[in-house]
Amino acid sequence: MIESLPRIVWGRVGHTRFRPIVHRFKTRAFYLQLPLRSMDLRAQRGEFTAQGAGHLWAVDKPALLSVWSKDHGDGRPLLHWAENQLQAAGIHDADGEIWLTTFPRVLGYAFKPVSFWFCERGNGSLAAVIVEVNNTFQGRHVYVLKPGDGYSNGQTLHAEKAFYVSPFFEVKGHYAFRFFRSPSTGGQDLARIDYSSEPQEGLHLAAISPNKLDLTTYLSGRSRPLNRFTALLAWLSFPAFSLKVIVQIHWHALQLWLKGCRLVPRT
C-alpha cells in the first residue's frame, strides 16, 4: 500500500426532493478525507504530524477542525472500528487504504448527517464502502456496501432503507449510491445518494428511474492537501460551519412542513 496524505474537499452540498412536492437547496461546504491506515502507520513511527497539525486540525484532540472517534461507530479508534465492520460483513480483502470522508467538528461542534468510509484493496480498487448515517434524534445506522470485483468508478450501489432519517419519509424503499473518486489530490470528488420509497425490482439496475425518485442528495468538490494553511482557510471561510448544517436542516424541514408535507412519526 502506498501511503497517502489527508485531504480537504471544497465544494457544495445539494439536496432535491421530488415527491410529494419539489424542494431544492444547495450550499457551499467543505469536508475532510482521512487515510486512516497511512495515518496509523505514521503514528506508529512516532511522526509528530500523524494525527493532525497542532491546534488547526487534529484527530481525537481539540482543534479548530477536529475528527473524534467518539463521533463515529461505537467510539473505538476510527481504524479499529472500520476494520471490525469489515470483518463482521465478511469482507477480508480490504487490506489497502481506508479513507474516512466526513464533516469535521468546527470549534468543537459537529453534526454529521453522513460519513463514508472507502475501504480499498492493496491494489487501490474498492472493496467496500461503509456508509454511516446520523439523524437529528441522536440515532445512527451503518450500511456496508459491497461493490464486487468488477466495480468501476461511478457505478451504482444499492441498499434497502433501514433507518429513520427525515421526518417526511417512512422507513421503506431503497437507496442508490454513486461515487466518483479521484486517485490523487486535486481531482473531482462526488458522493450522491438517490432515494425511492417504491420497491426495487432487481438490484442489478444501474440507477433509480427518474419517475420513481423521491430524493437526491450529494457532496461534491475538488480536493486539496489538508495542512495548517488549508485548515485555517476553511475555518476563516466557514467559522460556524457545523452550526450552519444543523440550522439549515431544521430551516428546510420547516419550509417543507409549511408547504404541506406530512410528518411521519418515528416508530
Protein backbone atom coordinates (compact mmCIF):
# COMPACT_ATOMS: atom_id res chain seq x y z
CA MET A 1 0.00 0.00 0.00
CA ILE A 2 1.32 3.44 -0.94
CA GLU A 3 0.91 5.83 1.97
CA SER A 4 -1.45 8.76 1.40
CA LEU A 5 -1.87 12.21 2.94
CA PRO A 6 -5.07 13.77 4.34
CA ARG A 7 -7.17 15.95 2.06
CA ILE A 8 -9.76 18.68 2.38
CA VAL A 9 -12.51 18.98 -0.23
CA TRP A 10 -14.02 22.37 -1.11
CA GLY A 11 -17.35 22.26 -2.91
CA ARG A 12 -21.09 22.06 -2.41
CA VAL A 13 -23.83 20.08 -0.75
CA GLY A 14 -27.06 19.72 -2.73
CA HIS A 15 -30.48 18.35 -1.84
CA THR A 16 -33.55 17.90 -4.05
CA ARG A 17 -36.93 16.42 -3.07
CA PHE A 18 -39.16 15.38 -5.93
CA ARG A 19 -42.15 13.95 -4.06
CA PRO A 20 -44.62 14.76 -2.61
CA ILE A 21 -43.50 18.31 -3.51
CA VAL A 22 -40.42 19.71 -5.21
CA HIS A 23 -37.93 21.42 -2.90
CA ARG A 24 -34.28 22.21 -3.67
CA PHE A 25 -31.28 23.77 -1.99
CA LYS A 26 -27.53 23.79 -2.36
CA THR A 27 -24.83 25.43 -0.28
CA ARG A 28 -21.07 25.82 -0.17
CA ALA A 29 -19.34 23.31 2.06
CA PHE A 30 -16.11 21.53 2.88
CA TYR A 31 -15.28 18.11 4.26
CA LEU A 32 -12.22 16.03 5.10
CA GLN A 33 -10.77 12.83 3.64
CA LEU A 34 -8.55 10.99 6.11
CA PRO A 35 -6.37 7.99 5.06
CA LEU A 36 -6.68 6.07 8.31
CA ARG A 37 -4.15 3.32 7.65
CA SER A 38 -1.48 5.77 6.46
CA MET A 39 -2.09 7.97 9.49
CA ASP A 40 -1.86 4.94 11.78
CA LEU A 41 1.46 3.90 10.23
CA ARG A 42 2.87 7.40 10.76
CA ALA A 43 1.67 7.38 14.35
CA GLN A 44 3.45 4.04 14.93
CA ARG A 45 6.64 5.66 13.61
CA GLY A 46 6.18 8.50 16.07
CA GLU A 47 5.73 11.20 13.45
CA PHE A 48 4.53 14.38 15.14
CA THR A 49 2.03 15.30 12.40
CA ALA A 50 0.48 11.82 12.15
CA GLN A 51 -2.82 12.86 13.76
CA GLY A 52 -3.04 16.50 12.72
CA ALA A 53 -1.41 19.91 12.71
CA GLY A 54 -1.48 21.27 16.23
CA HIS A 55 -4.49 23.40 17.09
CA LEU A 56 -5.57 23.87 13.46
CA TRP A 57 -6.73 20.33 12.66
CA ALA A 58 -6.46 17.11 14.60
CA VAL A 59 -7.86 13.65 15.24
CA ASP A 60 -9.05 12.97 18.80
CA LYS A 61 -7.58 16.27 20.01
CA PRO A 62 -9.10 19.76 20.39
CA ALA A 63 -8.53 21.93 17.29
CA LEU A 64 -10.28 24.40 15.03
CA LEU A 65 -11.20 21.42 12.82
CA SER A 66 -11.30 18.05 14.53
CA VAL A 67 -12.46 14.50 13.96
CA TRP A 68 -13.19 12.39 17.04
CA SER A 69 -13.60 8.65 17.37
CA LYS A 70 -16.50 9.26 19.79
CA ASP A 71 -18.47 10.81 16.92
CA HIS A 72 -18.31 7.62 14.85
CA GLY A 73 -19.19 3.98 15.24
CA ASP A 74 -19.15 2.85 18.85
CA GLY A 75 -16.39 5.20 19.98
CA ARG A 76 -13.46 2.88 19.36
CA PRO A 77 -10.46 4.29 17.42
CA LEU A 78 -11.58 5.02 13.87
CA LEU A 79 -9.41 2.45 12.10
CA HIS A 80 -10.21 -0.33 14.57
CA TRP A 81 -13.94 0.27 14.27
CA ALA A 82 -13.82 0.23 10.45
CA GLU A 83 -11.81 -2.99 10.40
CA ASN A 84 -14.33 -4.58 12.77
CA GLN A 85 -17.22 -3.57 10.50
CA LEU A 86 -15.46 -5.14 7.51
CA GLN A 87 -14.82 -8.37 9.40
CA ALA A 88 -18.43 -8.55 10.59
CA ALA A 89 -19.61 -8.08 6.99
CA GLY A 90 -17.38 -10.91 5.76
CA ILE A 91 -15.06 -8.60 3.79
CA HIS A 92 -11.49 -9.82 4.14
CA ASP A 93 -9.70 -8.33 1.14
CA ALA A 94 -9.84 -4.64 2.15
CA ASP A 95 -6.14 -4.60 3.02
CA GLY A 96 -5.37 -1.23 1.40
CA GLU A 97 -6.20 2.30 2.47
CA ILE A 98 -9.37 3.19 4.37
CA TRP A 99 -10.49 6.73 3.58
CA LEU A 100 -12.86 8.38 6.03
CA THR A 101 -14.84 11.14 4.29
CA THR A 102 -16.63 13.24 6.88
CA PHE A 103 -17.58 16.69 8.13
CA PRO A 104 -15.27 17.74 10.98
CA ARG A 105 -16.16 19.36 14.24
CA VAL A 106 -15.63 23.11 13.94
CA LEU A 107 -14.59 24.71 17.22
CA GLY A 108 -15.78 21.55 18.96
CA TYR A 109 -19.29 21.38 17.47
CA ALA A 110 -20.46 18.95 14.79
CA PHE A 111 -23.39 17.29 13.15
CA LYS A 112 -22.56 14.61 10.58
CA PRO A 113 -25.60 13.63 8.51
CA VAL A 114 -23.50 11.07 6.66
CA SER A 115 -19.90 9.83 6.62
CA PHE A 116 -18.34 7.48 4.06
CA TRP A 117 -15.53 5.02 4.71
CA PHE A 118 -13.97 3.93 1.38
CA CYS A 119 -12.14 0.66 2.01
CA GLU A 120 -9.64 -0.28 -0.67
CA ARG A 121 -7.72 -3.40 -1.60
CA GLY A 122 -3.95 -3.31 -1.73
CA ASN A 123 -4.08 -2.51 -5.47
CA GLY A 124 -6.30 0.53 -4.87
CA SER A 125 -9.56 -1.00 -6.07
CA LEU A 126 -12.66 -0.50 -3.93
CA ALA A 127 -13.54 -3.46 -1.68
CA ALA A 128 -16.32 -1.88 0.39
CA VAL A 129 -18.00 1.36 1.40
CA ILE A 130 -19.20 1.85 4.95
CA VAL A 131 -22.00 4.42 4.97
CA GLU A 132 -22.60 5.86 8.45
CA VAL A 133 -25.86 7.82 8.76
CA ASN A 134 -26.91 10.03 11.68
CA ASN A 135 -30.28 11.67 12.23
CA THR A 136 -31.23 14.66 14.37
CA PHE A 137 -32.68 12.35 17.05
CA GLN A 138 -29.23 11.04 18.10
CA GLY A 139 -29.73 7.87 16.08
CA ARG A 140 -27.08 6.17 13.96
CA HIS A 141 -27.14 3.39 11.39
CA VAL A 142 -24.48 1.74 9.23
CA TYR A 143 -24.84 0.33 5.71
CA VAL A 144 -21.96 -1.77 4.34
CA LEU A 145 -21.88 -1.73 0.54
CA LYS A 146 -20.03 -4.46 -1.35
CA PRO A 147 -19.11 -3.29 -4.87
CA GLY A 148 -17.75 -6.63 -6.12
CA ASP A 149 -14.67 -7.35 -8.20
CA GLY A 150 -15.97 -5.70 -11.37
CA TYR A 151 -16.77 -2.33 -9.79
CA SER A 152 -15.84 0.79 -11.76
CA ASN A 153 -15.79 4.42 -10.63
CA GLY A 154 -19.33 5.83 -10.65
CA GLN A 155 -21.14 2.50 -10.73
CA THR A 156 -24.42 2.43 -8.78
CA LEU A 157 -24.58 0.53 -5.48
CA HIS A 158 -27.85 -0.27 -3.71
CA ALA A 159 -29.09 -0.71 -0.14
CA GLU A 160 -32.54 -1.15 1.36
CA LYS A 161 -33.56 1.73 3.62
CA ALA A 162 -33.50 0.58 7.25
CA PHE A 163 -33.24 3.78 9.31
CA TYR A 164 -35.43 6.77 10.14
CA VAL A 165 -33.75 9.92 8.78
CA SER A 166 -36.22 12.51 7.50
CA PRO A 167 -39.50 13.12 9.37
CA PHE A 168 -41.18 13.30 5.94
CA PHE A 169 -40.25 9.81 4.70
CA GLU A 170 -41.16 6.38 6.01
CA VAL A 171 -38.57 3.66 6.62
CA LYS A 172 -39.14 1.82 3.37
CA GLY A 173 -37.77 1.75 -0.15
CA HIS A 174 -34.12 1.81 -1.12
CA TYR A 175 -31.05 3.93 -1.79
CA ALA A 176 -28.83 4.08 -4.85
CA PHE A 177 -25.28 5.33 -4.19
CA ARG A 178 -22.85 6.70 -6.77
CA PHE A 179 -19.28 7.67 -6.01
CA PHE A 180 -16.72 9.38 -8.23
CA ARG A 181 -13.31 9.38 -6.57
CA SER A 182 -10.06 10.80 -7.86
CA PRO A 183 -6.93 8.78 -7.02
CA SER A 184 -4.89 11.95 -6.49
CA THR A 185 -5.20 15.28 -4.72
CA GLY A 186 -6.69 17.98 -6.92
CA GLY A 187 -9.27 15.71 -8.55
CA GLN A 188 -13.03 16.00 -8.55
CA ASP A 189 -14.95 14.18 -5.81
CA LEU A 190 -18.65 13.22 -5.73
CA ALA A 191 -20.86 11.19 -3.42
CA ARG A 192 -24.51 11.03 -4.49
CA ILE A 193 -27.43 9.28 -2.81
CA ASP A 194 -30.76 8.74 -4.60
CA TYR A 195 -33.78 7.52 -2.67
CA SER A 196 -37.04 5.92 -3.78
CA SER A 197 -39.82 4.84 -1.44
CA GLU A 198 -41.01 2.31 -4.02
CA PRO A 199 -39.83 -1.32 -4.13
CA GLN A 200 -36.74 -2.00 -6.20
CA GLU A 201 -37.32 -4.56 -8.93
CA GLY A 202 -33.89 -6.11 -9.08
CA LEU A 203 -30.75 -4.67 -7.50
CA HIS A 204 -28.87 -5.05 -10.77
CA LEU A 205 -30.45 -1.88 -12.14
CA ALA A 206 -27.91 0.87 -12.82
CA ALA A 207 -29.95 3.67 -11.27
CA ILE A 208 -33.36 4.56 -9.90
CA SER A 209 -35.79 5.57 -12.62
CA PRO A 210 -36.37 9.37 -12.60
CA ASN A 211 -40.13 8.91 -12.22
CA LYS A 212 -39.56 6.90 -9.03
CA LEU A 213 -37.15 9.30 -7.33
CA ASP A 214 -38.21 10.83 -4.03
CA LEU A 215 -34.91 12.44 -3.13
CA THR A 216 -31.40 13.15 -4.39
CA THR A 217 -28.60 14.49 -2.22
CA TYR A 218 -24.91 14.92 -2.94
CA LEU A 219 -21.50 16.12 -1.75
CA SER A 220 -19.21 17.38 -4.47
CA GLY A 221 -15.96 19.29 -4.71
CA ARG A 222 -12.27 19.35 -5.53
CA SER A 223 -9.67 18.10 -3.07
CA ARG A 224 -6.60 19.89 -1.75
CA PRO A 225 -3.94 18.83 0.76
CA LEU A 226 -5.08 19.15 4.36
CA ASN A 227 -2.46 21.17 6.20
CA ARG A 228 -2.18 24.17 8.51
CA PHE A 229 -2.92 26.66 5.76
CA THR A 230 -5.98 24.93 4.26
CA ALA A 231 -7.39 24.12 7.71
CA LEU A 232 -7.13 27.77 8.76
CA LEU A 233 -8.57 28.93 5.45
CA ALA A 234 -11.54 26.56 5.86
CA TRP A 235 -12.24 27.86 9.35
CA LEU A 236 -11.97 31.50 8.23
CA SER A 237 -14.33 30.76 5.33
CA PHE A 238 -16.83 28.75 7.44
CA PRO A 239 -16.32 29.77 11.11
CA ALA A 240 -19.69 28.34 12.14
CA PHE A 241 -19.99 25.58 9.56
CA SER A 242 -21.25 22.82 11.88
CA LEU A 243 -23.91 25.10 13.34
CA LYS A 244 -24.87 26.13 9.81
CA VAL A 245 -25.51 22.47 8.87
CA ILE A 246 -27.94 21.80 11.71
CA VAL A 247 -29.70 25.17 11.30
CA GLN A 248 -30.21 24.55 7.58
CA ILE A 249 -31.62 21.08 8.22
CA HIS A 250 -34.28 22.48 10.54
CA TRP A 251 -34.95 25.52 8.36
CA HIS A 252 -35.66 23.41 5.29
CA ALA A 253 -37.73 20.97 7.36
CA LEU A 254 -39.87 23.93 8.44
CA GLN A 255 -40.27 25.02 4.81
CA LEU A 256 -41.37 21.51 3.83
CA TRP A 257 -43.91 21.42 6.66
CA LEU A 258 -45.28 24.82 5.65
CA LYS A 259 -45.59 23.55 2.07
CA GLY A 260 -47.83 20.75 3.32
CA CYS A 261 -45.51 17.75 3.70
CA ARG A 262 -46.95 15.18 6.10
CA LEU A 263 -44.87 14.33 9.16
CA VAL A 264 -44.07 10.63 9.59
CA PRO A 265 -43.65 9.73 13.28
CA ARG A 266 -40.81 7.55 14.47
CA THR A 267 -41.85 4.03 15.47
